[in-house]
Amino acid sequence: MIERITFNPNQCGGRPCIRGLRIRVKDVLDLLAAKVPEAEILEDYPYLEPEDIAACLEYAAAELDHPVLVSR
């Protein structure tokens, strides 16, 4: 699913977007964080697909999965 996330330096400041559309991954994540139901997101953005929302979550999880080094 993560292949649905695209990067274009000439679009949205190079931020990750969905399938080359001008909707950023962050926009979808912000809606989900605000507890907007997936069905409502899909209704408000009819060009999105359920797999796009899943790809945003998968992308966010992958981005956060890295070691954190703590200095002592």
N, C-alpha and C. Protein backbone atom coordinates (compact mmCIF):
# COMPACT_ATOMS: atom_id res chain seq x y z
N MET A 1 0.81 -1.20 0.00
CA MET A 1 0.00 0.00 0.00
C MET A 1 0.85 1.26 0.00
N ILE A 2 2.04 1.17 0.56
CA ILE A 2 2.84 2.37 0.71
C ILE A 2 3.24 2.97 -0.64
N GLU A 3 3.13 2.20 -1.71
CA GLU A 3 3.44 2.73 -3.05
C GLU A 3 2.42 3.80 -3.47
N ARG A 4 1.33 3.92 -2.75
CA ARG A 4 0.35 4.98 -3.02
C ARG A 4 0.85 6.34 -2.56
N ILE A 5 1.89 6.36 -1.75
CA ILE A 5 2.45 7.61 -1.24
C ILE A 5 3.52 8.08 -2.22
N THR A 6 3.36 9.32 -2.69
CA THR A 6 4.28 9.85 -3.70
C THR A 6 4.96 11.12 -3.19
N PHE A 7 6.10 11.39 -3.78
CA PHE A 7 6.89 12.57 -3.44
C PHE A 7 7.23 13.30 -4.73
N ASN A 8 6.96 14.60 -4.76
CA ASN A 8 7.29 15.42 -5.92
C ASN A 8 7.77 16.76 -5.38
N PRO A 9 9.04 17.10 -5.65
CA PRO A 9 9.56 18.36 -5.12
C PRO A 9 8.81 19.59 -5.62
N ASN A 10 8.06 19.46 -6.70
CA ASN A 10 7.31 20.58 -7.27
C ASN A 10 5.85 20.61 -6.82
N GLN A 11 5.50 19.74 -5.88
CA GLN A 11 4.11 19.65 -5.43
C GLN A 11 4.08 19.64 -3.91
N CYS A 12 3.31 20.50 -3.32
CA CYS A 12 3.12 20.56 -1.87
C CYS A 12 4.45 20.62 -1.13
N GLY A 13 5.41 21.33 -1.70
CA GLY A 13 6.70 21.50 -1.05
C GLY A 13 7.49 20.22 -0.89
N GLY A 14 7.19 19.22 -1.71
CA GLY A 14 7.90 17.95 -1.63
C GLY A 14 7.40 17.03 -0.53
N ARG A 15 6.35 17.44 0.15
CA ARG A 15 5.79 16.62 1.23
C ARG A 15 5.10 15.39 0.64
N PRO A 16 5.02 14.30 1.41
CA PRO A 16 4.36 13.10 0.91
C PRO A 16 2.88 13.35 0.62
N CYS A 17 2.47 12.92 -0.56
CA CYS A 17 1.08 13.07 -1.02
C CYS A 17 0.53 11.70 -1.38
N ILE A 18 -0.74 11.68 -1.70
CA ILE A 18 -1.42 10.44 -2.07
C ILE A 18 -1.56 10.38 -3.58
N ARG A 19 -0.97 9.36 -4.17
CA ARG A 19 -1.07 9.06 -5.61
C ARG A 19 -0.88 10.27 -6.51
N GLY A 20 0.01 11.17 -6.14
CA GLY A 20 0.27 12.34 -6.98
C GLY A 20 -0.79 13.41 -6.90
N LEU A 21 -1.80 13.20 -6.07
CA LEU A 21 -2.84 14.20 -5.88
C LEU A 21 -2.31 15.29 -4.95
N ARG A 22 -2.98 16.40 -4.90
CA ARG A 22 -2.55 17.49 -4.03
C ARG A 22 -3.20 17.38 -2.65
N ILE A 23 -3.25 16.18 -2.14
CA ILE A 23 -3.65 15.98 -0.75
C ILE A 23 -2.50 15.28 -0.05
N ARG A 24 -2.03 15.93 1.01
CA ARG A 24 -0.86 15.42 1.73
C ARG A 24 -1.26 14.31 2.70
N VAL A 25 -0.32 13.44 2.96
CA VAL A 25 -0.52 12.40 3.96
C VAL A 25 -0.91 13.05 5.29
N LYS A 26 -0.25 14.14 5.62
CA LYS A 26 -0.54 14.84 6.88
C LYS A 26 -1.99 15.30 6.94
N ASP A 27 -2.56 15.72 5.83
CA ASP A 27 -3.96 16.16 5.83
C ASP A 27 -4.88 15.02 6.26
N VAL A 28 -4.64 13.85 5.72
CA VAL A 28 -5.47 12.69 6.07
C VAL A 28 -5.23 12.30 7.52
N LEU A 29 -3.97 12.30 7.96
CA LEU A 29 -3.67 11.94 9.34
C LEU A 29 -4.29 12.94 10.32
N ASP A 30 -4.27 14.22 9.96
CA ASP A 30 -4.91 15.23 10.81
C ASP A 30 -6.41 14.97 10.95
N LEU A 31 -7.04 14.60 9.86
CA LEU A 31 -8.48 14.30 9.91
C LEU A 31 -8.75 13.10 10.80
N LEU A 32 -7.94 12.06 10.64
CA LEU A 32 -8.11 10.86 11.48
C LEU A 32 -7.86 11.19 12.94
N ALA A 33 -6.85 12.01 13.22
CA ALA A 33 -6.55 12.40 14.60
C ALA A 33 -7.69 13.21 15.21
N ALA A 34 -8.41 13.94 14.37
CA ALA A 34 -9.57 14.73 14.83
C ALA A 34 -10.82 13.86 14.94
N LYS A 35 -10.64 12.56 14.77
CA LYS A 35 -11.73 11.57 14.88
C LYS A 35 -12.80 11.72 13.81
N VAL A 36 -12.40 12.23 12.64
CA VAL A 36 -13.31 12.27 11.51
C VAL A 36 -13.42 10.83 10.98
N PRO A 37 -14.61 10.29 10.88
CA PRO A 37 -14.76 8.91 10.40
C PRO A 37 -14.24 8.75 8.96
N GLU A 38 -13.68 7.59 8.70
CA GLU A 38 -13.15 7.30 7.36
C GLU A 38 -14.20 7.53 6.29
N ALA A 39 -15.43 7.11 6.56
CA ALA A 39 -16.51 7.28 5.57
C ALA A 39 -16.72 8.76 5.24
N GLU A 40 -16.60 9.62 6.24
CA GLU A 40 -16.78 11.05 6.01
C GLU A 40 -15.61 11.63 5.20
N ILE A 41 -14.42 11.17 5.48
CA ILE A 41 -13.25 11.61 4.70
C ILE A 41 -13.44 11.23 3.24
N LEU A 42 -13.85 10.00 3.00
CA LEU A 42 -14.05 9.53 1.63
C LEU A 42 -15.19 10.28 0.93
N GLU A 43 -16.18 10.68 1.69
CA GLU A 43 -17.29 11.45 1.12
C GLU A 43 -16.83 12.87 0.77
N ASP A 44 -16.03 13.47 1.66
CA ASP A 44 -15.56 14.84 1.43
C ASP A 44 -14.48 14.91 0.34
N TYR A 45 -13.75 13.83 0.16
CA TYR A 45 -12.69 13.76 -0.86
C TYR A 45 -12.97 12.55 -1.75
N PRO A 46 -13.90 12.68 -2.68
CA PRO A 46 -14.35 11.52 -3.46
C PRO A 46 -13.27 10.87 -4.33
N TYR A 47 -12.16 11.57 -4.56
CA TYR A 47 -11.08 10.98 -5.36
C TYR A 47 -10.17 10.10 -4.51
N LEU A 48 -10.38 10.08 -3.19
CA LEU A 48 -9.63 9.19 -2.32
C LEU A 48 -10.30 7.82 -2.28
N GLU A 49 -9.49 6.83 -2.00
CA GLU A 49 -9.97 5.46 -1.87
C GLU A 49 -9.62 4.95 -0.48
N PRO A 50 -10.35 3.97 0.03
CA PRO A 50 -10.04 3.44 1.36
C PRO A 50 -8.58 3.01 1.49
N GLU A 51 -8.01 2.48 0.42
CA GLU A 51 -6.62 2.05 0.45
C GLU A 51 -5.67 3.23 0.64
N ASP A 52 -6.07 4.42 0.21
CA ASP A 52 -5.25 5.61 0.41
C ASP A 52 -5.12 5.94 1.90
N ILE A 53 -6.22 5.81 2.61
CA ILE A 53 -6.20 6.09 4.04
C ILE A 53 -5.33 5.06 4.76
N ALA A 54 -5.47 3.80 4.37
CA ALA A 54 -4.64 2.76 4.96
C ALA A 54 -3.16 3.01 4.65
N ALA A 55 -2.87 3.49 3.46
CA ALA A 55 -1.48 3.78 3.08
C ALA A 55 -0.92 4.92 3.92
N CYS A 56 -1.72 5.90 4.24
CA CYS A 56 -1.28 7.01 5.10
C CYS A 56 -0.90 6.49 6.48
N LEU A 57 -1.71 5.62 7.03
CA LEU A 57 -1.42 5.05 8.34
C LEU A 57 -0.17 4.18 8.29
N GLU A 58 -0.05 3.40 7.23
CA GLU A 58 1.14 2.55 7.07
C GLU A 58 2.40 3.40 6.94
N TYR A 59 2.30 4.48 6.18
CA TYR A 59 3.44 5.38 6.00
C TYR A 59 3.84 6.00 7.33
N ALA A 60 2.86 6.49 8.09
CA ALA A 60 3.14 7.12 9.38
C ALA A 60 3.79 6.12 10.34
N ALA A 61 3.30 4.91 10.37
CA ALA A 61 3.88 3.89 11.24
C ALA A 61 5.32 3.58 10.84
N ALA A 62 5.58 3.50 9.55
CA ALA A 62 6.94 3.22 9.07
C ALA A 62 7.89 4.36 9.40
N GLU A 63 7.40 5.60 9.30
CA GLU A 63 8.23 6.77 9.59
C GLU A 63 8.63 6.83 11.06
N LEU A 64 7.78 6.32 11.92
CA LEU A 64 8.06 6.37 13.36
C LEU A 64 8.85 5.17 13.85
N ASP A 65 9.08 4.21 12.99
CA ASP A 65 9.76 2.99 13.39
C ASP A 65 11.26 3.11 13.12
N HIS A 66 11.93 3.86 13.98
CA HIS A 66 13.38 3.99 13.87
C HIS A 66 13.95 4.10 15.27
N PRO A 67 15.20 3.70 15.43
CA PRO A 67 15.78 3.77 16.78
C PRO A 67 15.97 5.22 17.22
N VAL A 68 15.83 5.42 18.49
CA VAL A 68 16.06 6.73 19.08
C VAL A 68 17.30 6.61 19.96
N LEU A 69 18.31 7.42 19.66
CA LEU A 69 19.54 7.40 20.44
C LEU A 69 19.46 8.45 21.54
N VAL A 70 19.76 8.03 22.74
CA VAL A 70 19.71 8.94 23.87
C VAL A 70 21.12 9.06 24.42
N SER A 71 21.59 10.28 24.54
CA SER A 71 22.92 10.47 25.11
C SER A 71 22.84 10.47 26.62
N ARG A 72 23.88 9.98 27.22
CA ARG A 72 23.89 9.91 28.70
C ARG A 72 24.94 10.81 29.24
